[in-house]
Amino acid sequence: PINVFKDTEVDLVTAFTLNYAEEAVGIARAARAAGLPAVISFTVETD
């Protein structure tokens, strides 16, 4: 999906409801490879 976004008018990508670090790292790296700014969002439990 990031490479599809790369060839559109998207200004950045935002990854929502992530719940562990490795997926966030992978998304950030994929965005960097595509030349897209990236925002990473985590979800948390009641604590």
All heavy atoms as atom14 arrays in JSON, in Angstrom:
{
  "sequence": "PINVFKDTEVDLVTAFTLNYAEEAVGIARAARAAGLPAVISFTVETD",
  "atom14_mask": [
    [1, 1, 1, 1, 1, 1, 1, 0, 0, 0, 0, 0, 0, 0],
    [1, 1, 1, 1, 1, 1, 1, 1, 0, 0, 0, 0, 0, 0],
    [1, 1, 1, 1, 1, 1, 1, 1, 0, 0, 0, 0, 0, 0],
    [1, 1, 1, 1, 1, 1, 1, 0, 0, 0, 0, 0, 0, 0],
    [1, 1, 1, 1, 1, 1, 1, 1, 1, 1, 1, 0, 0, 0],
    [1, 1, 1, 1, 1, 1, 1, 1, 1, 0, 0, 0, 0, 0],
    [1, 1, 1, 1, 1, 1, 1, 1, 0, 0, 0, 0, 0, 0],
    [1, 1, 1, 1, 1, 1, 1, 0, 0, 0, 0, 0, 0, 0],
    [1, 1, 1, 1, 1, 1, 1, 1, 1, 0, 0, 0, 0, 0],
    [1, 1, 1, 1, 1, 1, 1, 0, 0, 0, 0, 0, 0, 0],
    [1, 1, 1, 1, 1, 1, 1, 1, 0, 0, 0, 0, 0, 0],
    [1, 1, 1, 1, 1, 1, 1, 1, 0, 0, 0, 0, 0, 0],
    [1, 1, 1, 1, 1, 1, 1, 0, 0, 0, 0, 0, 0, 0],
    [1, 1, 1, 1, 1, 1, 1, 0, 0, 0, 0, 0, 0, 0],
    [1, 1, 1, 1, 1, 0, 0, 0, 0, 0, 0, 0, 0, 0],
    [1, 1, 1, 1, 1, 1, 1, 1, 1, 1, 1, 0, 0, 0],
    [1, 1, 1, 1, 1, 1, 1, 0, 0, 0, 0, 0, 0, 0],
    [1, 1, 1, 1, 1, 1, 1, 1, 0, 0, 0, 0, 0, 0],
    [1, 1, 1, 1, 1, 1, 1, 1, 0, 0, 0, 0, 0, 0],
    [1, 1, 1, 1, 1, 1, 1, 1, 1, 1, 1, 1, 0, 0],
    [1, 1, 1, 1, 1, 0, 0, 0, 0, 0, 0, 0, 0, 0],
    [1, 1, 1, 1, 1, 1, 1, 1, 1, 0, 0, 0, 0, 0],
    [1, 1, 1, 1, 1, 1, 1, 1, 1, 0, 0, 0, 0, 0],
    [1, 1, 1, 1, 1, 0, 0, 0, 0, 0, 0, 0, 0, 0],
    [1, 1, 1, 1, 1, 1, 1, 0, 0, 0, 0, 0, 0, 0],
    [1, 1, 1, 1, 0, 0, 0, 0, 0, 0, 0, 0, 0, 0],
    [1, 1, 1, 1, 1, 1, 1, 1, 0, 0, 0, 0, 0, 0],
    [1, 1, 1, 1, 1, 0, 0, 0, 0, 0, 0, 0, 0, 0],
    [1, 1, 1, 1, 1, 1, 1, 1, 1, 1, 1, 0, 0, 0],
    [1, 1, 1, 1, 1, 0, 0, 0, 0, 0, 0, 0, 0, 0],
    [1, 1, 1, 1, 1, 0, 0, 0, 0, 0, 0, 0, 0, 0],
    [1, 1, 1, 1, 1, 1, 1, 1, 1, 1, 1, 0, 0, 0],
    [1, 1, 1, 1, 1, 0, 0, 0, 0, 0, 0, 0, 0, 0],
    [1, 1, 1, 1, 1, 0, 0, 0, 0, 0, 0, 0, 0, 0],
    [1, 1, 1, 1, 0, 0, 0, 0, 0, 0, 0, 0, 0, 0],
    [1, 1, 1, 1, 1, 1, 1, 1, 0, 0, 0, 0, 0, 0],
    [1, 1, 1, 1, 1, 1, 1, 0, 0, 0, 0, 0, 0, 0],
    [1, 1, 1, 1, 1, 0, 0, 0, 0, 0, 0, 0, 0, 0],
    [1, 1, 1, 1, 1, 1, 1, 0, 0, 0, 0, 0, 0, 0],
    [1, 1, 1, 1, 1, 1, 1, 1, 0, 0, 0, 0, 0, 0],
    [1, 1, 1, 1, 1, 1, 0, 0, 0, 0, 0, 0, 0, 0],
    [1, 1, 1, 1, 1, 1, 1, 1, 1, 1, 1, 0, 0, 0],
    [1, 1, 1, 1, 1, 1, 1, 0, 0, 0, 0, 0, 0, 0],
    [1, 1, 1, 1, 1, 1, 1, 0, 0, 0, 0, 0, 0, 0],
    [1, 1, 1, 1, 1, 1, 1, 1, 1, 0, 0, 0, 0, 0],
    [1, 1, 1, 1, 1, 1, 1, 0, 0, 0, 0, 0, 0, 0],
    [1, 1, 1, 1, 1, 1, 1, 1, 0, 0, 0, 0, 0, 0]
  ],
  "atom14_positions": [
    [[0.81, -1.22, 0.0], [0.0, 0.0, 0.0], [0.84, 1.28, 0.0], [0.46, 2.28, -0.62], [-0.83, -0.11, 1.28], [-0.11, -1.09, 2.14], [0.55, -2.05, 1.2], [0.0, 0.0, 0.0], [0.0, 0.0, 0.0], [0.0, 0.0, 0.0], [0.0, 0.0, 0.0], [0.0, 0.0, 0.0], [0.0, 0.0, 0.0], [0.0, 0.0, 0.0]],
    [[1.99, 1.25, 0.66], [2.83, 2.45, 0.72], [3.33, 2.82, -0.67], [3.35, 4.0, -1.05], [4.0, 2.23, 1.7], [3.46, 2.29, 3.14], [5.09, 3.27, 1.5], [4.46, 1.93, 4.21], [0.0, 0.0, 0.0], [0.0, 0.0, 0.0], [0.0, 0.0, 0.0], [0.0, 0.0, 0.0], [0.0, 0.0, 0.0], [0.0, 0.0, 0.0]],
    [[3.69, 1.84, -1.47], [4.16, 2.14, -2.82], [3.03, 2.62, -3.73], [3.28, 3.37, -4.69], [4.85, 0.91, -3.42], [6.24, 0.71, -2.87], [6.91, 1.67, -2.46], [6.7, -0.53, -2.81], [0.0, 0.0, 0.0], [0.0, 0.0, 0.0], [0.0, 0.0, 0.0], [0.0, 0.0, 0.0], [0.0, 0.0, 0.0], [0.0, 0.0, 0.0]],
    [[1.81, 2.22, -3.44], [0.67, 2.79, -4.17], [0.5, 4.25, -3.77], [0.35, 5.13, -4.63], [-0.62, 2.0, -3.91], [-1.81, 2.68, -4.62], [-0.48, 0.56, -4.4], [0.0, 0.0, 0.0], [0.0, 0.0, 0.0], [0.0, 0.0, 0.0], [0.0, 0.0, 0.0], [0.0, 0.0, 0.0], [0.0, 0.0, 0.0], [0.0, 0.0, 0.0]],
    [[0.56, 4.54, -2.49], [0.45, 5.92, -2.02], [1.54, 6.81, -2.61], [1.32, 7.98, -2.89], [0.53, 5.97, -0.49], [-0.73, 5.58, 0.23], [-0.7, 4.66, 1.27], [-1.95, 6.14, -0.11], [-1.85, 4.32, 1.96], [-3.12, 5.8, 0.56], [-3.06, 4.88, 1.61], [0.0, 0.0, 0.0], [0.0, 0.0, 0.0], [0.0, 0.0, 0.0]],
    [[2.71, 6.25, -2.77], [3.86, 7.02, -3.27], [3.56, 7.71, -4.59], [4.01, 8.84, -4.82], [5.07, 6.08, -3.44], [6.3, 6.74, -4.03], [7.43, 5.73, -4.24], [7.09, 4.74, -5.34], [8.24, 3.85, -5.67], [0.0, 0.0, 0.0], [0.0, 0.0, 0.0], [0.0, 0.0, 0.0], [0.0, 0.0, 0.0], [0.0, 0.0, 0.0]],
    [[2.79, 7.08, -5.43], [2.52, 7.61, -6.77], [1.2, 8.39, -6.84], [0.63, 8.56, -7.92], [2.51, 6.47, -7.79], [3.88, 5.82, -7.92], [4.89, 6.54, -7.78], [3.94, 4.6, -8.14], [0.0, 0.0, 0.0], [0.0, 0.0, 0.0], [0.0, 0.0, 0.0], [0.0, 0.0, 0.0], [0.0, 0.0, 0.0], [0.0, 0.0, 0.0]],
    [[0.73, 8.84, -5.69], [-0.5, 9.64, -5.63], [-0.17, 11.02, -5.02], [1.0, 11.34, -4.8], [-1.57, 8.97, -4.76], [-1.14, 9.0, -3.38], [-1.79, 7.52, -5.19], [0.0, 0.0, 0.0], [0.0, 0.0, 0.0], [0.0, 0.0, 0.0], [0.0, 0.0, 0.0], [0.0, 0.0, 0.0], [0.0, 0.0, 0.0], [0.0, 0.0, 0.0]],
    [[-1.21, 11.78, -4.73], [-1.05, 13.09, -4.11], [-0.94, 13.03, -2.58], [-1.01, 14.07, -1.92], [-2.23, 13.99, -4.49], [-2.22, 14.42, -5.94], [-1.01, 15.28, -6.28], [-0.77, 16.28, -5.59], [-0.3, 14.92, -7.23], [0.0, 0.0, 0.0], [0.0, 0.0, 0.0], [0.0, 0.0, 0.0], [0.0, 0.0, 0.0], [0.0, 0.0, 0.0]],
    [[-0.73, 11.86, -2.03], [-0.57, 11.72, -0.58], [0.67, 12.48, -0.12], [1.74, 12.39, -0.72], [-0.49, 10.23, -0.21], [0.28, 10.01, 1.09], [-1.88, 9.64, -0.08], [0.0, 0.0, 0.0], [0.0, 0.0, 0.0], [0.0, 0.0, 0.0], [0.0, 0.0, 0.0], [0.0, 0.0, 0.0], [0.0, 0.0, 0.0], [0.0, 0.0, 0.0]],
    [[0.52, 13.23, 0.97], [1.63, 14.01, 1.52], [2.44, 13.24, 2.55], [3.63, 13.52, 2.74], [1.09, 15.29, 2.17], [0.37, 16.2, 1.17], [1.0, 16.56, 0.15], [-0.81, 16.51, 1.39], [0.0, 0.0, 0.0], [0.0, 0.0, 0.0], [0.0, 0.0, 0.0], [0.0, 0.0, 0.0], [0.0, 0.0, 0.0], [0.0, 0.0, 0.0]],
    [[1.8, 12.32, 3.24], [2.47, 11.47, 4.22], [1.6, 10.24, 4.45], [0.47, 10.17, 3.98], [2.67, 12.21, 5.55], [1.44, 12.45, 6.44], [1.86, 12.68, 7.88], [0.61, 13.63, 5.96], [0.0, 0.0, 0.0], [0.0, 0.0, 0.0], [0.0, 0.0, 0.0], [0.0, 0.0, 0.0], [0.0, 0.0, 0.0], [0.0, 0.0, 0.0]],
    [[2.14, 9.25, 5.16], [1.36, 8.09, 5.56], [1.28, 8.06, 7.08], [2.22, 8.46, 7.78], [1.93, 6.77, 5.02], [1.81, 6.7, 3.51], [3.36, 6.54, 5.47], [0.0, 0.0, 0.0], [0.0, 0.0, 0.0], [0.0, 0.0, 0.0], [0.0, 0.0, 0.0], [0.0, 0.0, 0.0], [0.0, 0.0, 0.0], [0.0, 0.0, 0.0]],
    [[0.14, 7.55, 7.58], [-0.07, 7.43, 9.02], [-0.53, 6.02, 9.33], [-1.55, 5.57, 8.78], [-1.12, 8.44, 9.52], [-0.7, 9.76, 9.19], [-1.29, 8.33, 11.03], [0.0, 0.0, 0.0], [0.0, 0.0, 0.0], [0.0, 0.0, 0.0], [0.0, 0.0, 0.0], [0.0, 0.0, 0.0], [0.0, 0.0, 0.0], [0.0, 0.0, 0.0]],
    [[0.2, 5.34, 10.2], [-0.14, 3.97, 10.58], [-0.85, 3.99, 11.93], [-0.29, 4.44, 12.93], [1.12, 3.12, 10.68], [0.0, 0.0, 0.0], [0.0, 0.0, 0.0], [0.0, 0.0, 0.0], [0.0, 0.0, 0.0], [0.0, 0.0, 0.0], [0.0, 0.0, 0.0], [0.0, 0.0, 0.0], [0.0, 0.0, 0.0], [0.0, 0.0, 0.0]],
    [[-2.1, 3.49, 11.95], [-2.94, 3.53, 13.14], [-3.0, 2.18, 13.87], [-2.81, 1.13, 13.26], [-4.38, 3.92, 12.75], [-4.53, 5.34, 12.3], [-4.39, 5.68, 10.96], [-4.83, 6.33, 13.21], [-4.55, 6.99, 10.54], [-4.99, 7.66, 12.8], [-4.85, 7.98, 11.46], [0.0, 0.0, 0.0], [0.0, 0.0, 0.0], [0.0, 0.0, 0.0]],
    [[-3.36, 2.27, 15.14], [-3.64, 1.11, 16.02], [-2.58, 0.01, 15.94], [-2.91, -1.17, 15.92], [-5.04, 0.52, 15.76], [-5.19, 0.14, 14.4], [-6.12, 1.49, 16.15], [0.0, 0.0, 0.0], [0.0, 0.0, 0.0], [0.0, 0.0, 0.0], [0.0, 0.0, 0.0], [0.0, 0.0, 0.0], [0.0, 0.0, 0.0], [0.0, 0.0, 0.0]],
    [[-1.33, 0.38, 15.9], [-0.28, -0.61, 15.99], [-0.11, -1.02, 17.44], [-0.36, -0.25, 18.37], [1.04, -0.05, 15.43], [0.99, 0.44, 13.98], [2.39, 0.87, 13.53], [0.44, -0.62, 13.04], [0.0, 0.0, 0.0], [0.0, 0.0, 0.0], [0.0, 0.0, 0.0], [0.0, 0.0, 0.0], [0.0, 0.0, 0.0], [0.0, 0.0, 0.0]],
    [[0.32, -2.26, 17.66], [0.41, -2.74, 19.03], [1.71, -3.47, 19.36], [1.81, -4.11, 20.41], [-0.81, -3.61, 19.38], [-1.07, -4.7, 18.36], [-0.14, -5.35, 17.9], [-2.34, -4.92, 18.02], [0.0, 0.0, 0.0], [0.0, 0.0, 0.0], [0.0, 0.0, 0.0], [0.0, 0.0, 0.0], [0.0, 0.0, 0.0], [0.0, 0.0, 0.0]],
    [[2.7, -3.36, 18.48], [4.03, -3.86, 18.83], [5.06, -3.14, 17.96], [4.75, -2.61, 16.89], [4.12, -5.38, 18.7], [3.98, -5.94, 17.3], [5.11, -6.34, 16.59], [2.73, -6.13, 16.71], [4.99, -6.88, 15.3], [2.6, -6.66, 15.45], [3.74, -7.04, 14.75], [3.62, -7.57, 13.49], [0.0, 0.0, 0.0], [0.0, 0.0, 0.0]],
    [[6.28, -3.12, 18.44], [7.31, -2.27, 17.86], [7.73, -2.69, 16.46], [7.95, -1.84, 15.58], [8.54, -2.22, 18.77], [0.0, 0.0, 0.0], [0.0, 0.0, 0.0], [0.0, 0.0, 0.0], [0.0, 0.0, 0.0], [0.0, 0.0, 0.0], [0.0, 0.0, 0.0], [0.0, 0.0, 0.0], [0.0, 0.0, 0.0], [0.0, 0.0, 0.0]],
    [[7.87, -3.99, 16.22], [8.44, -4.44, 14.96], [7.6, -4.04, 13.75], [8.15, -3.68, 12.7], [8.63, -5.97, 14.97], [9.72, -6.45, 15.89], [9.29, -6.55, 17.35], [8.11, -6.25, 17.66], [10.12, -6.94, 18.2], [0.0, 0.0, 0.0], [0.0, 0.0, 0.0], [0.0, 0.0, 0.0], [0.0, 0.0, 0.0], [0.0, 0.0, 0.0]],
    [[6.29, -4.07, 13.88], [5.45, -3.65, 12.76], [5.64, -2.16, 12.49], [5.7, -1.72, 11.33], [3.98, -3.97, 13.01], [3.11, -3.71, 11.78], [1.74, -4.38, 11.84], [1.25, -4.62, 12.98], [1.18, -4.66, 10.78], [0.0, 0.0, 0.0], [0.0, 0.0, 0.0], [0.0, 0.0, 0.0], [0.0, 0.0, 0.0], [0.0, 0.0, 0.0]],
    [[5.76, -1.38, 13.56], [6.0, 0.06, 13.41], [7.32, 0.32, 12.72], [7.43, 1.19, 11.83], [5.96, 0.74, 14.77], [0.0, 0.0, 0.0], [0.0, 0.0, 0.0], [0.0, 0.0, 0.0], [0.0, 0.0, 0.0], [0.0, 0.0, 0.0], [0.0, 0.0, 0.0], [0.0, 0.0, 0.0], [0.0, 0.0, 0.0], [0.0, 0.0, 0.0]],
    [[8.35, -0.41, 13.1], [9.66, -0.25, 12.47], [9.58, -0.57, 10.99], [10.09, 0.17, 10.13], [10.7, -1.16, 13.15], [12.02, -1.17, 12.36], [10.96, -0.71, 14.59], [0.0, 0.0, 0.0], [0.0, 0.0, 0.0], [0.0, 0.0, 0.0], [0.0, 0.0, 0.0], [0.0, 0.0, 0.0], [0.0, 0.0, 0.0], [0.0, 0.0, 0.0]],
    [[8.91, -1.67, 10.65], [8.79, -2.05, 9.25], [8.06, -1.02, 8.42], [8.46, -0.7, 7.29], [0.0, 0.0, 0.0], [0.0, 0.0, 0.0], [0.0, 0.0, 0.0], [0.0, 0.0, 0.0], [0.0, 0.0, 0.0], [0.0, 0.0, 0.0], [0.0, 0.0, 0.0], [0.0, 0.0, 0.0], [0.0, 0.0, 0.0], [0.0, 0.0, 0.0]],
    [[6.98, -0.45, 8.96], [6.23, 0.58, 8.24], [7.09, 1.82, 8.04], [7.12, 2.41, 6.95], [4.93, 0.91, 8.99], [3.96, -0.27, 8.87], [4.29, 2.19, 8.44], [2.72, -0.14, 9.72], [0.0, 0.0, 0.0], [0.0, 0.0, 0.0], [0.0, 0.0, 0.0], [0.0, 0.0, 0.0], [0.0, 0.0, 0.0], [0.0, 0.0, 0.0]],
    [[7.79, 2.23, 9.08], [8.65, 3.42, 8.97], [9.72, 3.21, 7.91], [10.03, 4.12, 7.12], [9.27, 3.74, 10.32], [0.0, 0.0, 0.0], [0.0, 0.0, 0.0], [0.0, 0.0, 0.0], [0.0, 0.0, 0.0], [0.0, 0.0, 0.0], [0.0, 0.0, 0.0], [0.0, 0.0, 0.0], [0.0, 0.0, 0.0], [0.0, 0.0, 0.0]],
    [[10.31, 2.03, 7.87], [11.35, 1.74, 6.88], [10.76, 1.71, 5.47], [11.39, 2.19, 4.51], [12.03, 0.42, 7.22], [12.93, 0.49, 8.45], [13.48, -0.88, 8.79], [14.42, -0.83, 9.92], [14.92, -1.91, 10.53], [14.57, -3.13, 10.11], [15.74, -1.79, 11.54], [0.0, 0.0, 0.0], [0.0, 0.0, 0.0], [0.0, 0.0, 0.0]],
    [[9.57, 1.13, 5.32], [8.94, 1.08, 4.0], [8.61, 2.49, 3.52], [8.76, 2.81, 2.33], [7.69, 0.22, 4.05], [0.0, 0.0, 0.0], [0.0, 0.0, 0.0], [0.0, 0.0, 0.0], [0.0, 0.0, 0.0], [0.0, 0.0, 0.0], [0.0, 0.0, 0.0], [0.0, 0.0, 0.0], [0.0, 0.0, 0.0], [0.0, 0.0, 0.0]],
    [[8.15, 3.34, 4.43], [7.84, 4.72, 4.06], [9.11, 5.46, 3.66], [9.13, 6.21, 2.68], [7.16, 5.42, 5.23], [0.0, 0.0, 0.0], [0.0, 0.0, 0.0], [0.0, 0.0, 0.0], [0.0, 0.0, 0.0], [0.0, 0.0, 0.0], [0.0, 0.0, 0.0], [0.0, 0.0, 0.0], [0.0, 0.0, 0.0], [0.0, 0.0, 0.0]],
    [[10.17, 5.24, 4.41], [11.45, 5.9, 4.06], [11.92, 5.46, 2.69], [12.38, 6.29, 1.88], [12.51, 5.56, 5.12], [13.87, 6.2, 4.85], [14.8, 6.0, 6.05], [14.98, 4.6, 6.37], [15.5, 4.16, 7.52], [15.89, 5.02, 8.45], [15.62, 2.86, 7.75], [0.0, 0.0, 0.0], [0.0, 0.0, 0.0], [0.0, 0.0, 0.0]],
    [[11.82, 4.17, 2.38], [12.24, 3.67, 1.08], [11.42, 4.29, -0.05], [11.92, 4.48, -1.16], [12.12, 2.15, 1.04], [0.0, 0.0, 0.0], [0.0, 0.0, 0.0], [0.0, 0.0, 0.0], [0.0, 0.0, 0.0], [0.0, 0.0, 0.0], [0.0, 0.0, 0.0], [0.0, 0.0, 0.0], [0.0, 0.0, 0.0], [0.0, 0.0, 0.0]],
    [[10.14, 4.61, 0.26], [9.26, 5.21, -0.76], [9.37, 6.73, -0.8], [8.74, 7.36, -1.65], [7.82, 4.81, -0.47], [0.0, 0.0, 0.0], [0.0, 0.0, 0.0], [0.0, 0.0, 0.0], [0.0, 0.0, 0.0], [0.0, 0.0, 0.0], [0.0, 0.0, 0.0], [0.0, 0.0, 0.0], [0.0, 0.0, 0.0], [0.0, 0.0, 0.0]],
    [[10.14, 7.31, 0.11], [10.27, 8.76, 0.14], [9.07, 9.47, 0.72], [8.82, 10.65, 0.41], [0.0, 0.0, 0.0], [0.0, 0.0, 0.0], [0.0, 0.0, 0.0], [0.0, 0.0, 0.0], [0.0, 0.0, 0.0], [0.0, 0.0, 0.0], [0.0, 0.0, 0.0], [0.0, 0.0, 0.0], [0.0, 0.0, 0.0], [0.0, 0.0, 0.0]],
    [[8.32, 8.77, 1.58], [7.12, 9.35, 2.19], [7.34, 9.63, 3.66], [7.81, 8.76, 4.4], [5.94, 8.39, 2.05], [5.24, 8.31, 0.7], [4.31, 7.11, 0.65], [4.46, 9.59, 0.44], [0.0, 0.0, 0.0], [0.0, 0.0, 0.0], [0.0, 0.0, 0.0], [0.0, 0.0, 0.0], [0.0, 0.0, 0.0], [0.0, 0.0, 0.0]],
    [[7.0, 10.82, 4.15], [7.0, 11.05, 5.59], [6.03, 10.09, 6.26], [5.03, 9.67, 5.66], [6.52, 12.5, 5.73], [6.76, 13.11, 4.38], [6.58, 12.01, 3.39], [0.0, 0.0, 0.0], [0.0, 0.0, 0.0], [0.0, 0.0, 0.0], [0.0, 0.0, 0.0], [0.0, 0.0, 0.0], [0.0, 0.0, 0.0], [0.0, 0.0, 0.0]],
    [[6.31, 9.74, 7.52], [5.48, 8.75, 8.2], [5.17, 9.16, 9.63], [6.01, 9.73, 10.33], [6.17, 7.39, 8.21], [0.0, 0.0, 0.0], [0.0, 0.0, 0.0], [0.0, 0.0, 0.0], [0.0, 0.0, 0.0], [0.0, 0.0, 0.0], [0.0, 0.0, 0.0], [0.0, 0.0, 0.0], [0.0, 0.0, 0.0], [0.0, 0.0, 0.0]],
    [[3.95, 8.85, 10.05], [3.51, 9.0, 11.43], [3.13, 7.62, 11.94], [2.48, 6.85, 11.23], [2.3, 9.96, 11.54], [1.72, 9.95, 12.94], [2.71, 11.37, 11.12], [0.0, 0.0, 0.0], [0.0, 0.0, 0.0], [0.0, 0.0, 0.0], [0.0, 0.0, 0.0], [0.0, 0.0, 0.0], [0.0, 0.0, 0.0], [0.0, 0.0, 0.0]],
    [[3.54, 7.31, 13.16], [3.26, 6.01, 13.76], [2.35, 6.2, 14.96], [2.65, 7.0, 15.86], [4.56, 5.31, 14.22], [5.47, 5.03, 13.02], [4.25, 4.04, 15.0], [4.92, 4.03, 12.03], [0.0, 0.0, 0.0], [0.0, 0.0, 0.0], [0.0, 0.0, 0.0], [0.0, 0.0, 0.0], [0.0, 0.0, 0.0], [0.0, 0.0, 0.0]],
    [[1.24, 5.46, 14.99], [0.3, 5.55, 16.1], [0.14, 4.21, 16.79], [-0.07, 3.18, 16.14], [-1.06, 6.04, 15.61], [-1.92, 6.24, 16.71], [0.0, 0.0, 0.0], [0.0, 0.0, 0.0], [0.0, 0.0, 0.0], [0.0, 0.0, 0.0], [0.0, 0.0, 0.0], [0.0, 0.0, 0.0], [0.0, 0.0, 0.0], [0.0, 0.0, 0.0]],
    [[0.23, 4.24, 18.11], [0.03, 3.04, 18.92], [-1.28, 3.16, 19.69], [-1.72, 4.25, 20.05], [1.18, 2.87, 19.93], [2.49, 2.52, 19.3], [3.52, 3.46, 19.25], [2.71, 1.27, 18.75], [4.74, 3.14, 18.67], [3.93, 0.94, 18.16], [4.95, 1.87, 18.12], [0.0, 0.0, 0.0], [0.0, 0.0, 0.0], [0.0, 0.0, 0.0]],
    [[-1.89, 2.01, 19.93], [-3.04, 1.95, 20.82], [-2.59, 1.36, 22.15], [-1.61, 0.6, 22.21], [-4.18, 1.12, 20.22], [-5.34, 1.25, 21.04], [-3.82, -0.35, 20.1], [0.0, 0.0, 0.0], [0.0, 0.0, 0.0], [0.0, 0.0, 0.0], [0.0, 0.0, 0.0], [0.0, 0.0, 0.0], [0.0, 0.0, 0.0], [0.0, 0.0, 0.0]],
    [[-3.3, 1.73, 23.22], [-2.94, 1.26, 24.55], [-4.17, 0.72, 25.27], [-5.31, 1.03, 24.91], [-2.28, 2.37, 25.4], [-0.96, 2.83, 24.77], [-3.22, 3.56, 25.6], [0.0, 0.0, 0.0], [0.0, 0.0, 0.0], [0.0, 0.0, 0.0], [0.0, 0.0, 0.0], [0.0, 0.0, 0.0], [0.0, 0.0, 0.0], [0.0, 0.0, 0.0]],
    [[-3.91, -0.08, 26.29], [-4.97, -0.63, 27.12], [-5.33, 0.36, 28.23], [-4.81, 1.47, 28.3], [-4.51, -1.98, 27.7], [-4.23, -3.05, 26.66], [-5.49, -3.54, 25.95], [-6.61, -3.23, 26.42], [-5.37, -4.22, 24.93], [0.0, 0.0, 0.0], [0.0, 0.0, 0.0], [0.0, 0.0, 0.0], [0.0, 0.0, 0.0], [0.0, 0.0, 0.0]],
    [[-6.22, -0.06, 29.13], [-6.69, 0.84, 30.18], [-5.59, 1.25, 31.14], [-5.72, 2.26, 31.85], [-7.83, 0.19, 30.98], [-7.39, -1.08, 31.5], [-9.05, -0.04, 30.09], [0.0, 0.0, 0.0], [0.0, 0.0, 0.0], [0.0, 0.0, 0.0], [0.0, 0.0, 0.0], [0.0, 0.0, 0.0], [0.0, 0.0, 0.0], [0.0, 0.0, 0.0]],
    [[-4.49, 0.5, 31.17], [-3.36, 0.86, 32.05], [-2.3, 1.69, 31.35], [-1.25, 1.99, 31.92], [-2.72, -0.39, 32.65], [-2.09, -1.31, 31.59], [-2.23, -1.01, 30.38], [-1.47, -2.31, 31.98], [0.0, 0.0, 0.0], [0.0, 0.0, 0.0], [0.0, 0.0, 0.0], [0.0, 0.0, 0.0], [0.0, 0.0, 0.0], [0.0, 0.0, 0.0]]
  ]
}
